[in-house]
N, C-alpha and C. Protein backbone atom coordinates (compact mmCIF):
# COMPACT_ATOMS: atom_id res chain seq x y z
N MET A 1 -12.48 82.35 63.05
CA MET A 1 -11.47 81.77 62.47
C MET A 1 -11.27 80.94 63.62
N PRO A 2 -10.81 79.94 62.67
CA PRO A 2 -10.20 78.42 63.84
C PRO A 2 -8.83 79.47 63.84
N PHE A 3 -8.66 78.55 65.01
CA PHE A 3 -7.22 79.02 65.69
C PHE A 3 -6.41 77.69 65.89
N ILE A 4 -5.01 77.62 65.67
CA ILE A 4 -3.97 76.47 65.89
C ILE A 4 -3.10 77.06 66.62
N GLU A 5 -2.48 75.77 67.58
CA GLU A 5 -1.81 75.90 68.57
C GLU A 5 -0.40 75.91 68.35
N GLU A 6 0.30 76.53 68.35
CA GLU A 6 1.43 75.91 68.38
C GLU A 6 2.17 74.44 68.66
N SER A 7 1.88 73.99 69.13
CA SER A 7 1.89 72.62 69.50
C SER A 7 1.62 71.69 68.75
N ASP A 8 0.80 72.06 67.79
CA ASP A 8 -0.23 71.14 66.71
C ASP A 8 0.29 71.61 65.60
N LEU A 9 1.19 72.96 65.14
CA LEU A 9 1.19 73.43 64.39
C LEU A 9 2.60 72.49 63.97
N LEU A 10 3.61 72.56 65.09
CA LEU A 10 4.48 72.05 65.13
C LEU A 10 4.73 70.58 64.46
N GLU A 11 3.69 69.42 65.29
CA GLU A 11 3.73 68.42 64.63
C GLU A 11 3.28 68.35 63.88
N LEU A 12 2.58 69.13 63.22
CA LEU A 12 1.75 69.10 61.81
C LEU A 12 3.37 68.90 61.19
N HIS A 13 4.18 70.20 61.41
CA HIS A 13 5.25 70.41 60.41
C HIS A 13 6.02 69.02 60.32
N LYS A 14 6.78 68.52 61.45
CA LYS A 14 7.50 66.96 62.02
C LYS A 14 6.28 66.02 60.65
N ASP A 15 4.95 65.94 61.06
CA ASP A 15 4.29 64.97 60.03
C ASP A 15 4.87 65.21 58.16
N ILE A 16 4.82 66.60 57.77
CA ILE A 16 4.57 66.84 57.06
C ILE A 16 6.62 66.66 56.72
N ASP A 17 7.43 66.66 57.17
CA ASP A 17 8.87 66.63 56.97
C ASP A 17 8.93 64.82 56.60
N LYS A 18 8.60 64.44 57.77
CA LYS A 18 8.27 62.72 57.27
C LYS A 18 8.32 62.36 56.40
N ALA A 19 7.10 63.27 56.22
CA ALA A 19 6.13 62.42 54.71
C ALA A 19 6.91 62.64 53.72
N GLN A 20 8.10 64.28 53.81
CA GLN A 20 8.53 64.42 52.56
C GLN A 20 10.07 63.50 52.78
N ILE A 21 10.20 63.15 53.54
CA ILE A 21 11.10 61.83 53.84
C ILE A 21 11.00 60.72 53.10
N ILE A 22 9.72 60.51 53.63
CA ILE A 22 9.15 58.82 53.07
C ILE A 22 9.07 59.05 51.98
N ASN A 23 8.83 60.54 50.90
CA ASN A 23 8.50 60.66 49.49
C ASN A 23 10.26 60.12 49.08
N GLU A 24 10.82 61.45 49.42
CA GLU A 24 11.80 60.95 48.91
C GLU A 24 12.76 59.67 48.83
N ARG A 25 12.20 59.04 49.88
CA ARG A 25 13.02 57.38 50.13
C ARG A 25 12.50 56.65 48.81
N LEU A 26 11.74 57.23 49.10
CA LEU A 26 10.26 56.26 47.80
C LEU A 26 10.72 56.46 46.48
N LEU A 27 10.73 57.83 46.20
CA LEU A 27 11.19 58.08 44.98
C LEU A 27 12.63 57.79 44.12
N ASP A 28 13.51 57.86 46.20
CA ASP A 28 14.74 57.22 45.58
C ASP A 28 14.34 55.48 45.21
N GLN A 29 13.65 54.82 45.78
CA GLN A 29 13.35 53.40 45.08
C GLN A 29 13.33 53.29 44.04
N ILE A 30 12.33 54.24 43.67
CA ILE A 30 11.34 53.99 42.38
C ILE A 30 12.53 54.00 41.50
N LYS A 31 13.74 55.13 41.52
CA LYS A 31 14.62 55.68 40.59
C LYS A 31 15.41 54.26 40.41
N PHE A 32 15.43 53.56 41.44
CA PHE A 32 16.85 52.56 41.99
C PHE A 32 16.02 51.34 41.01
N LYS A 33 14.70 51.33 40.64
CA LYS A 33 13.80 50.35 40.34
C LYS A 33 14.67 50.39 38.84
N ASN A 34 13.14 51.75 38.42
CA ASN A 34 13.62 52.29 36.86
C ASN A 34 15.09 51.99 36.63
N LYS A 35 16.40 52.38 37.05
CA LYS A 35 17.56 51.91 36.92
C LYS A 35 17.59 50.30 36.95
N GLU A 36 17.30 49.07 37.69
CA GLU A 36 17.34 47.96 37.20
C GLU A 36 16.70 47.57 36.19
N LEU A 37 15.50 48.27 36.05
CA LEU A 37 14.71 47.99 35.18
C LEU A 37 15.21 48.28 33.02
N LYS A 38 15.86 49.52 33.46
CA LYS A 38 16.39 49.67 32.18
C LYS A 38 17.93 48.95 32.15
N LYS A 39 18.76 48.42 33.16
CA LYS A 39 19.18 47.29 32.33
C LYS A 39 19.11 46.08 32.11
N SER A 40 18.07 45.70 32.71
CA SER A 40 17.27 44.15 32.59
C SER A 40 17.07 44.44 31.30
N LYS A 41 16.51 45.69 30.83
CA LYS A 41 15.55 45.50 29.26
C LYS A 41 17.19 45.38 28.54
N ILE A 42 18.13 46.57 28.87
CA ILE A 42 19.27 46.32 27.97
C ILE A 42 19.88 45.08 27.69
N GLN A 43 20.08 44.23 29.03
CA GLN A 43 20.55 42.55 28.96
C GLN A 43 19.79 42.00 28.15
N ARG A 44 17.98 42.29 28.26
CA ARG A 44 17.08 41.32 27.50
C ARG A 44 17.47 41.99 25.85
N ASN A 45 17.59 42.75 25.84
CA ASN A 45 17.78 43.08 24.07
C ASN A 45 18.59 43.09 23.63
N ILE A 46 20.10 42.56 24.41
CA ILE A 46 21.29 42.40 24.14
C ILE A 46 21.36 40.54 23.89
N PHE A 47 20.76 40.18 24.61
CA PHE A 47 20.42 39.01 24.51
C PHE A 47 19.60 38.30 23.12
N ALA A 48 18.33 39.41 23.17
CA ALA A 48 17.47 38.69 22.37
C ALA A 48 18.24 38.86 20.68
N GLY A 49 19.17 39.89 20.94
CA GLY A 49 19.59 40.35 19.55
C GLY A 49 21.17 39.15 19.22
N ILE A 50 21.92 38.57 20.22
CA ILE A 50 23.02 37.65 20.49
C ILE A 50 22.20 35.93 19.51
N THR A 51 20.90 36.04 20.44
CA THR A 51 20.09 35.05 19.62
C THR A 51 19.40 34.98 18.38
N ALA A 52 18.79 36.05 18.40
CA ALA A 52 18.45 36.28 16.43
C ALA A 52 19.83 36.18 15.53
N PHE A 53 20.86 36.81 15.90
CA PHE A 53 22.22 36.79 15.29
C PHE A 53 22.58 35.14 14.86
N PHE A 54 22.65 34.58 15.94
CA PHE A 54 23.23 32.90 16.10
C PHE A 54 21.77 32.03 15.11
N LEU A 55 20.41 32.50 15.08
CA LEU A 55 19.43 32.19 14.44
C LEU A 55 19.54 32.24 12.96
N ILE A 56 19.36 33.31 13.03
CA ILE A 56 19.59 33.78 10.90
C ILE A 56 20.94 33.17 10.72
N GLY A 57 22.23 33.41 11.42
CA GLY A 57 23.28 33.15 11.12
C GLY A 57 23.07 31.24 10.80
N GLY A 58 22.16 30.57 11.69
CA GLY A 58 22.29 29.02 11.27
C GLY A 58 21.05 28.78 10.60
N LEU A 59 20.10 29.53 10.09
CA LEU A 59 19.37 29.47 9.07
C LEU A 59 20.23 29.85 7.57
N ALA A 60 20.84 31.02 7.67
CA ALA A 60 21.79 30.95 6.63
C ALA A 60 22.89 30.01 5.98
N PHE A 61 23.47 29.71 7.04
CA PHE A 61 24.27 28.25 7.06
C PHE A 61 23.43 26.81 6.54
N THR A 62 22.35 26.82 7.16
CA THR A 62 22.07 25.66 6.60
C THR A 62 20.87 25.50 5.35
N SER A 63 20.85 26.81 4.84
CA SER A 63 20.57 27.57 3.73
C SER A 63 21.47 27.09 2.83
N PHE A 64 22.62 27.73 2.50
CA PHE A 64 23.16 27.51 1.97
C PHE A 64 24.03 26.12 1.93
N THR A 65 24.51 25.57 3.02
CA THR A 65 24.32 23.54 2.57
C THR A 65 23.49 23.06 2.33
N ALA A 66 22.41 23.30 2.61
CA ALA A 66 20.99 22.74 1.73
C ALA A 66 20.91 23.13 -0.10
N GLY A 67 21.60 24.18 -0.59
CA GLY A 67 21.73 24.75 -1.61
C GLY A 67 22.66 23.66 -1.98
N LEU A 68 23.91 23.50 -1.70
CA LEU A 68 25.05 23.00 -2.34
C LEU A 68 24.54 21.32 -1.96
N SER A 69 23.45 20.97 -1.16
CA SER A 69 24.10 19.69 -1.09
C SER A 69 22.44 18.90 -2.37
N SER A 70 21.44 20.27 -2.11
CA SER A 70 20.40 19.54 -3.43
C SER A 70 20.91 19.91 -4.55
N SER A 71 22.07 20.89 -4.88
CA SER A 71 22.50 20.70 -6.30
C SER A 71 23.48 19.28 -6.83
N ASN A 72 24.15 19.07 -5.60
CA ASN A 72 24.74 17.97 -5.37
C ASN A 72 23.94 16.70 -5.79
N SER A 73 22.83 16.76 -5.21
CA SER A 73 21.80 15.51 -5.36
C SER A 73 21.13 15.44 -6.82
N PHE A 74 20.66 17.21 -7.49
CA PHE A 74 19.96 16.88 -8.36
C PHE A 74 21.08 16.19 -9.68
N ASP A 75 22.41 16.68 -9.92
CA ASP A 75 23.64 16.18 -10.22
C ASP A 75 22.93 14.42 -10.28
N LYS A 76 23.59 13.75 -8.99
CA LYS A 76 23.02 12.52 -8.64
C LYS A 76 21.89 11.92 -9.60
N GLN A 77 20.90 12.57 -9.15
CA GLN A 77 19.31 12.55 -9.47
C GLN A 77 19.32 12.28 -11.14
N ASN A 78 20.07 13.55 -11.67
CA ASN A 78 20.53 13.17 -13.52
C ASN A 78 20.97 11.89 -14.05
N ASN A 79 22.09 11.37 -12.97
CA ASN A 79 22.38 10.43 -13.09
C ASN A 79 21.51 8.99 -13.28
N ASN A 80 20.90 9.10 -11.69
CA ASN A 80 20.21 7.52 -11.62
C ASN A 80 18.95 7.85 -12.15
N LEU A 81 18.65 9.07 -13.44
CA LEU A 81 17.50 9.07 -13.76
C LEU A 81 17.81 8.33 -15.48
N LEU A 82 18.83 8.80 -15.84
CA LEU A 82 19.26 8.17 -16.85
C LEU A 82 19.66 6.43 -16.15
N VAL A 83 20.27 5.95 -15.69
CA VAL A 83 20.44 4.43 -15.28
C VAL A 83 18.88 4.30 -14.98
N SER A 84 17.89 5.05 -14.54
CA SER A 84 16.94 4.25 -14.13
C SER A 84 16.11 4.14 -15.31
N ILE A 85 15.90 4.85 -16.17
CA ILE A 85 15.44 4.58 -17.08
C ILE A 85 16.31 3.26 -18.01
N ASP A 86 17.34 3.27 -18.20
CA ASP A 86 17.56 1.28 -18.37
C ASP A 86 16.86 0.57 -17.71
N SER A 87 17.02 0.44 -16.64
CA SER A 87 16.52 -0.26 -15.50
C SER A 87 15.56 -0.52 -15.72
N LEU A 88 14.68 0.36 -15.86
CA LEU A 88 12.84 0.35 -15.93
C LEU A 88 12.55 -0.59 -17.22
N ASP A 89 12.92 -0.18 -18.00
CA ASP A 89 12.95 -0.83 -19.30
C ASP A 89 13.31 -2.78 -18.76
N ALA A 90 14.25 -2.60 -18.48
CA ALA A 90 14.58 -3.93 -18.26
C ALA A 90 13.91 -4.52 -17.54
N ILE A 91 13.22 -4.10 -16.06
CA ILE A 91 12.22 -4.46 -15.27
C ILE A 91 11.30 -4.69 -16.03
N LYS A 92 10.87 -3.97 -16.63
CA LYS A 92 9.31 -3.95 -17.25
C LYS A 92 9.77 -5.20 -18.02
N THR A 93 10.88 -5.27 -19.35
CA THR A 93 10.89 -6.82 -19.59
C THR A 93 10.96 -8.24 -18.57
N ARG A 94 11.32 -8.54 -17.62
CA ARG A 94 11.50 -8.77 -16.58
C ARG A 94 10.26 -9.29 -15.68
N ILE A 95 9.35 -8.37 -15.49
CA ILE A 95 8.09 -8.48 -15.62
C ILE A 95 7.32 -9.04 -16.21
N SER A 96 7.39 -8.71 -17.39
CA SER A 96 6.61 -9.62 -18.26
C SER A 96 6.81 -11.09 -18.44
N ASN A 97 8.41 -11.14 -18.58
CA ASN A 97 8.44 -12.73 -18.27
C ASN A 97 7.88 -13.13 -17.63
N LEU A 98 8.22 -12.81 -16.27
CA LEU A 98 7.60 -13.37 -15.14
C LEU A 98 6.15 -13.58 -15.15
N LYS A 99 5.12 -12.89 -15.56
CA LYS A 99 3.86 -13.17 -16.00
C LYS A 99 3.86 -14.45 -16.68
N GLU A 100 4.47 -13.89 -17.17
CA GLU A 100 4.08 -15.34 -18.85
C GLU A 100 4.70 -16.48 -18.13
N GLN A 101 5.57 -16.95 -17.17
CA GLN A 101 5.71 -17.75 -16.62
C GLN A 101 4.71 -18.28 -15.73
N ASN A 102 4.56 -17.18 -14.76
CA ASN A 102 3.37 -17.29 -14.04
C ASN A 102 2.26 -18.13 -14.51
N GLU A 103 1.49 -17.45 -15.96
CA GLU A 103 0.57 -18.05 -16.57
C GLU A 103 0.70 -19.45 -17.05
N GLU A 104 2.29 -19.79 -17.51
CA GLU A 104 2.29 -21.01 -17.73
C GLU A 104 2.07 -21.88 -16.33
N LEU A 105 2.67 -21.79 -15.47
CA LEU A 105 2.90 -22.18 -14.41
C LEU A 105 1.33 -22.61 -13.88
N SER A 106 0.36 -21.68 -13.63
CA SER A 106 -0.96 -21.69 -13.26
C SER A 106 -1.72 -22.84 -14.03
N LEU A 107 -1.57 -23.07 -15.89
CA LEU A 107 -1.83 -23.80 -16.32
C LEU A 107 -1.80 -25.23 -15.48
N VAL A 108 -0.24 -25.11 -15.25
CA VAL A 108 0.50 -26.47 -15.24
C VAL A 108 -0.66 -27.08 -13.76
N LYS A 109 -0.28 -25.96 -13.49
CA LYS A 109 -0.94 -26.76 -11.72
C LYS A 109 -2.67 -26.50 -11.68
N GLU A 110 -3.48 -26.00 -12.76
CA GLU A 110 -4.95 -26.30 -12.79
C GLU A 110 -4.80 -27.77 -13.50
N PHE A 111 -3.54 -27.90 -14.68
CA PHE A 111 -3.96 -29.44 -15.02
C PHE A 111 -3.41 -30.56 -14.00
N TYR A 112 -2.46 -30.22 -12.71
CA TYR A 112 -2.56 -30.80 -12.13
C TYR A 112 -3.65 -31.48 -11.05
N LEU A 113 -4.02 -30.23 -10.78
CA LEU A 113 -4.94 -30.00 -9.90
C LEU A 113 -6.64 -31.24 -10.33
N ALA A 114 -6.65 -30.94 -11.20
CA ALA A 114 -7.50 -31.14 -11.96
C ALA A 114 -7.38 -32.74 -12.73
N LYS A 115 -6.00 -33.32 -12.64
CA LYS A 115 -5.52 -34.67 -12.73
C LYS A 115 -6.29 -35.46 -11.74
N GLU A 116 -5.80 -34.55 -10.62
CA GLU A 116 -5.67 -35.27 -8.69
C GLU A 116 -7.81 -35.42 -8.99
N PHE A 117 -8.58 -34.36 -8.65
CA PHE A 117 -9.54 -34.45 -8.75
C PHE A 117 -10.13 -35.35 -10.08
N LEU A 118 -9.75 -35.41 -10.77
CA LEU A 118 -9.86 -36.83 -11.69
C LEU A 118 -10.15 -38.00 -11.11
N ALA A 119 -8.64 -38.55 -10.71
CA ALA A 119 -8.48 -39.43 -10.13
C ALA A 119 -9.34 -40.11 -8.85
N LYS A 120 -9.37 -38.58 -8.10
CA LYS A 120 -10.54 -39.16 -6.91
C LYS A 120 -11.82 -39.29 -6.24
N GLU A 121 -12.19 -38.59 -7.14
CA GLU A 121 -13.92 -39.01 -7.58
C GLU A 121 -14.75 -38.86 -8.62
N LYS A 122 -15.84 -39.38 -8.17
CA LYS A 122 -16.96 -39.68 -9.52
C LYS A 122 -16.98 -38.34 -10.12
N ILE A 123 -16.55 -38.81 -11.43
CA ILE A 123 -17.70 -37.30 -12.58
C ILE A 123 -17.85 -37.41 -13.78
N TYR A 124 -18.26 -36.37 -14.25
CA TYR A 124 -19.20 -36.95 -15.56
C TYR A 124 -18.65 -36.02 -16.40
N SER A 125 -18.48 -36.74 -18.00
CA SER A 125 -18.13 -35.71 -19.18
C SER A 125 -19.18 -36.59 -20.28
N VAL A 126 -19.13 -35.64 -21.31
CA VAL A 126 -19.63 -35.70 -22.32
C VAL A 126 -18.61 -36.47 -23.55
N GLN A 127 -19.46 -37.90 -24.11
CA GLN A 127 -17.89 -38.10 -24.90
C GLN A 127 -18.83 -37.80 -26.54
N VAL A 128 -17.72 -37.52 -26.91
CA VAL A 128 -18.14 -36.93 -28.49
C VAL A 128 -17.27 -37.48 -29.19
N LYS A 129 -16.77 -38.36 -29.42
CA LYS A 129 -16.15 -39.17 -30.61
C LYS A 129 -15.39 -40.30 -29.52
N SER A 130 -15.41 -41.68 -31.28
CA SER A 130 -14.43 -42.91 -30.35
C SER A 130 -13.89 -42.72 -31.22
N PHE A 131 -12.12 -43.61 -31.26
CA PHE A 131 -11.41 -43.41 -32.45
C PHE A 131 -10.50 -45.18 -32.00
N VAL A 132 -10.32 -46.08 -33.37
CA VAL A 132 -9.56 -46.93 -33.04
C VAL A 132 -8.23 -46.48 -32.48
N ASP A 133 -7.63 -45.45 -33.12
CA ASP A 133 -6.67 -45.52 -33.40
C ASP A 133 -6.66 -44.42 -32.62
N ASN A 134 -5.37 -43.70 -31.37
CA ASN A 134 -4.91 -42.95 -30.56
C ASN A 134 -4.57 -41.84 -31.42
N ASN A 135 -5.63 -40.64 -31.43
CA ASN A 135 -5.07 -39.67 -32.65
C ASN A 135 -5.19 -38.81 -31.47
N VAL A 136 -3.84 -38.62 -31.71
CA VAL A 136 -3.47 -37.62 -30.58
C VAL A 136 -3.13 -35.56 -31.04
N THR A 137 -3.55 -35.91 -32.22
CA THR A 137 -3.69 -34.35 -33.25
C THR A 137 -4.91 -33.82 -32.64
N LEU A 138 -5.63 -34.83 -32.22
CA LEU A 138 -7.09 -34.34 -31.97
C LEU A 138 -7.15 -32.64 -31.50
N ALA A 139 -6.40 -33.54 -30.01
CA ALA A 139 -6.50 -32.31 -28.63
C ALA A 139 -5.17 -32.73 -28.02
N SER A 140 -5.00 -32.08 -27.00
CA SER A 140 -3.73 -31.78 -26.46
C SER A 140 -4.10 -32.45 -24.51
N GLU A 141 -3.07 -33.27 -24.45
CA GLU A 141 -3.50 -33.67 -22.84
C GLU A 141 -3.53 -32.80 -21.86
N ALA A 142 -3.04 -31.61 -21.96
CA ALA A 142 -2.61 -30.31 -20.85
C ALA A 142 -4.38 -29.92 -21.35
N LEU A 143 -5.23 -29.85 -21.97
CA LEU A 143 -6.70 -29.65 -21.75
C LEU A 143 -7.28 -29.96 -20.36
N THR A 144 -7.70 -29.46 -19.58
CA THR A 144 -8.16 -29.83 -18.26
C THR A 144 -9.32 -30.23 -18.12
N ASN A 145 -10.06 -29.45 -19.22
CA ASN A 145 -11.74 -29.94 -19.67
C ASN A 145 -11.84 -30.85 -20.38
N THR A 146 -10.46 -31.62 -21.01
CA THR A 146 -11.20 -33.23 -22.07
C THR A 146 -10.30 -33.87 -21.36
N LEU A 147 -11.26 -35.43 -21.06
CA LEU A 147 -10.68 -37.04 -21.29
C LEU A 147 -10.52 -37.77 -22.45
N PHE A 148 -9.07 -38.04 -22.43
CA PHE A 148 -8.99 -39.08 -23.19
C PHE A 148 -8.56 -40.82 -22.50
N VAL A 149 -9.40 -41.07 -22.96
CA VAL A 149 -10.09 -42.93 -22.27
C VAL A 149 -9.75 -43.52 -23.06
N LYS A 150 -8.55 -44.91 -22.82
CA LYS A 150 -8.87 -46.11 -24.07
C LYS A 150 -10.05 -47.00 -22.93
N THR A 151 -11.33 -47.37 -24.21
CA THR A 151 -11.88 -48.22 -23.37
C THR A 151 -11.83 -49.28 -24.74
N ASN A 152 -11.16 -50.57 -24.56
CA ASN A 152 -10.90 -51.52 -25.25
C ASN A 152 -11.68 -51.69 -26.38
N PRO A 153 -11.39 -51.87 -27.53
CA PRO A 153 -10.38 -51.11 -28.35
C PRO A 153 -10.20 -49.63 -28.79
N PHE A 154 -11.38 -48.78 -28.32
CA PHE A 154 -11.10 -47.88 -28.96
C PHE A 154 -10.54 -46.38 -27.32
N TYR A 155 -10.35 -45.40 -27.93
CA TYR A 155 -9.98 -44.13 -27.40
C TYR A 155 -11.08 -43.43 -27.64
N SER A 156 -11.35 -42.93 -26.38
CA SER A 156 -12.62 -42.40 -26.12
C SER A 156 -11.91 -40.60 -25.98
N TYR A 157 -12.99 -39.84 -26.34
CA TYR A 157 -12.17 -37.93 -25.97
C TYR A 157 -13.84 -37.61 -25.80
N SER A 158 -13.69 -36.89 -24.73
CA SER A 158 -14.81 -36.84 -24.12
C SER A 158 -14.48 -34.89 -23.55
N LEU A 159 -15.53 -34.22 -23.32
CA LEU A 159 -15.37 -32.80 -22.88
C LEU A 159 -16.15 -32.92 -21.47
N GLY A 160 -15.41 -31.73 -20.78
CA GLY A 160 -16.04 -31.20 -19.50
C GLY A 160 -15.93 -32.22 -17.93
N ASN A 161 -15.45 -31.67 -17.25
CA ASN A 161 -15.53 -32.21 -16.09
C ASN A 161 -16.58 -32.27 -15.08
N PHE A 162 -17.77 -32.71 -15.42
CA PHE A 162 -18.76 -31.87 -14.13
C PHE A 162 -18.55 -32.94 -12.79
N GLU A 163 -19.42 -31.83 -11.86
CA GLU A 163 -19.57 -32.60 -10.92
C GLU A 163 -20.46 -33.86 -10.55
N THR A 164 -21.74 -33.06 -11.06
CA THR A 164 -22.89 -33.40 -10.96
C THR A 164 -23.46 -34.07 -12.24
N LEU A 165 -24.36 -35.27 -12.35
CA LEU A 165 -25.15 -35.13 -13.68
C LEU A 165 -25.91 -34.33 -14.46
N GLN A 166 -26.21 -33.72 -13.60
CA GLN A 166 -27.62 -32.49 -14.33
C GLN A 166 -26.51 -31.32 -15.03
N GLU A 167 -25.67 -30.78 -14.31
CA GLU A 167 -24.44 -29.82 -15.41
C GLU A 167 -24.01 -30.77 -16.96
N ALA A 168 -23.58 -32.34 -16.54
CA ALA A 168 -23.26 -32.77 -17.86
C ALA A 168 -24.80 -33.04 -18.71
N GLN A 169 -25.77 -33.24 -18.10
CA GLN A 169 -26.55 -33.57 -19.71
C GLN A 169 -26.80 -31.73 -20.00
N SER A 170 -26.91 -31.18 -19.11
CA SER A 170 -27.15 -29.81 -19.85
C SER A 170 -26.28 -29.25 -20.42
N PHE A 171 -24.76 -29.85 -20.39
CA PHE A 171 -23.56 -29.50 -21.51
C PHE A 171 -23.44 -30.74 -22.57
N ARG A 172 -24.44 -31.71 -22.84
CA ARG A 172 -24.62 -32.27 -23.71
C ARG A 172 -25.18 -31.77 -24.31
N LYS A 173 -26.52 -31.15 -24.11
CA LYS A 173 -27.59 -30.50 -25.03
C LYS A 173 -27.28 -29.53 -25.63
N GLN A 174 -26.15 -28.79 -25.21
CA GLN A 174 -25.80 -27.59 -26.10
C GLN A 174 -24.75 -28.35 -27.38
N LEU A 175 -24.03 -29.36 -26.88
CA LEU A 175 -23.57 -30.15 -27.79
C LEU A 175 -24.27 -30.58 -28.90
N VAL A 176 -25.41 -30.95 -28.59
CA VAL A 176 -26.27 -32.16 -29.65
C VAL A 176 -26.44 -30.73 -30.45
N ASP A 177 -27.15 -29.80 -29.81
CA ASP A 177 -27.62 -28.47 -30.42
C ASP A 177 -26.49 -27.90 -31.92
N ILE A 178 -25.44 -27.70 -31.39
CA ILE A 178 -24.49 -27.17 -32.54
C ILE A 178 -23.39 -28.26 -33.46
N GLY A 179 -24.58 -29.46 -33.40
CA GLY A 179 -24.29 -30.60 -34.41
C GLY A 179 -23.27 -31.99 -33.45
N PHE A 180 -23.22 -32.11 -32.61
CA PHE A 180 -22.58 -33.19 -32.09
C PHE A 180 -23.78 -34.55 -31.77
N GLU A 181 -24.47 -34.84 -32.25
CA GLU A 181 -25.71 -35.63 -32.27
C GLU A 181 -25.23 -36.80 -31.41
N ASP A 182 -24.19 -37.65 -31.76
CA ASP A 182 -23.96 -38.76 -30.95
C ASP A 182 -23.47 -38.54 -29.90
N ALA A 183 -23.22 -37.28 -29.12
CA ALA A 183 -22.88 -37.51 -27.75
C ALA A 183 -23.87 -37.57 -26.88
N PHE A 184 -23.33 -38.57 -25.43
CA PHE A 184 -23.70 -38.82 -24.59
C PHE A 184 -22.71 -38.78 -23.26
N VAL A 185 -23.57 -39.13 -22.20
CA VAL A 185 -23.14 -38.64 -21.12
C VAL A 185 -22.77 -39.87 -20.05
N ALA A 186 -21.21 -40.06 -19.86
CA ALA A 186 -20.98 -41.12 -18.77
C ALA A 186 -19.81 -40.72 -17.83
N SER A 187 -20.43 -41.59 -16.99
CA SER A 187 -19.34 -40.91 -15.65
C SER A 187 -18.37 -41.91 -15.48
N TYR A 188 -17.25 -41.21 -14.62
CA TYR A 188 -15.78 -41.43 -14.82
C TYR A 188 -15.47 -41.82 -13.28
N LYS A 189 -14.46 -42.63 -12.74
CA LYS A 189 -14.21 -42.87 -11.93
C LYS A 189 -12.43 -43.35 -11.80
N GLU A 190 -11.49 -42.60 -11.66
CA GLU A 190 -10.33 -43.13 -11.20
C GLU A 190 -9.80 -43.52 -12.83
N GLY A 191 -10.09 -42.03 -13.37
CA GLY A 191 -9.87 -42.31 -14.99
C GLY A 191 -10.55 -43.54 -15.98
N LYS A 192 -11.17 -44.43 -15.43
CA LYS A 192 -11.91 -45.30 -16.05
C LYS A 192 -13.17 -44.89 -16.19
N ARG A 193 -13.95 -45.65 -17.64
CA ARG A 193 -15.23 -45.16 -17.53
C ARG A 193 -16.19 -46.25 -16.67
N ILE A 194 -17.51 -45.78 -16.01
CA ILE A 194 -18.27 -46.55 -15.11
C ILE A 194 -19.23 -46.85 -16.06
N GLN A 195 -20.13 -46.32 -16.42
CA GLN A 195 -21.38 -46.12 -16.88
C GLN A 195 -21.66 -45.13 -17.92
N ILE A 196 -22.32 -45.50 -18.92
CA ILE A 196 -23.14 -44.35 -19.38
C ILE A 196 -24.20 -44.33 -18.80
N GLU A 197 -25.03 -42.65 -19.05
CA GLU A 197 -25.83 -42.30 -17.98
C GLU A 197 -26.66 -41.99 -18.85
N ASP A 198 -27.98 -41.74 -18.30
CA ASP A 198 -29.46 -41.25 -19.27
C ASP A 198 -29.14 -39.95 -19.98
N PRO A 199 -29.31 -39.38 -20.95
CA PRO A 199 -29.22 -38.22 -21.85
C PRO A 199 -29.72 -36.87 -21.23
N TYR A 200 -31.05 -37.21 -20.65
CA TYR A 200 -32.24 -36.25 -19.98
C TYR A 200 -31.93 -36.59 -18.81
């Protein structure tokens, strides 16, 4: 059987006592830390509760005011809707009038552009008739593809304004096919006839 000396036994008891003291200190520190953790948990829970309370209160207030403003805006929208329907009819009428005016202006613009083109360039047209009198009931001068030229003593009526002789000859053939057998192609510059062109 092993033998332990008394001095070793005393040392062993001292070590055990030291270990117990260290254990007690550690247990005290653990208890203190646990108290601090519980305290911080309580503080955190209180802070989270207060934050949630304010957040829910803010949402409730926002929802309530949004409900009031939406009911007010709904009433305003109904009033605006009634006004808008009347305004919409007026706007549609105005748009329709503006479209008509735009079409008229477009025709006028085309007329003046065509007149400028006719005045500057050599063009070809198919003469369909000549009269001694200026018979303005046959056509309007607003027609951009119609020429009214005074060649003493006649007034000539020509259809089409073509840049090339071939286009005019092709158009002349179509007119002859539908019954204008006397139609011929003539060239014009600055509103005056230059010459009668070859029909083919």
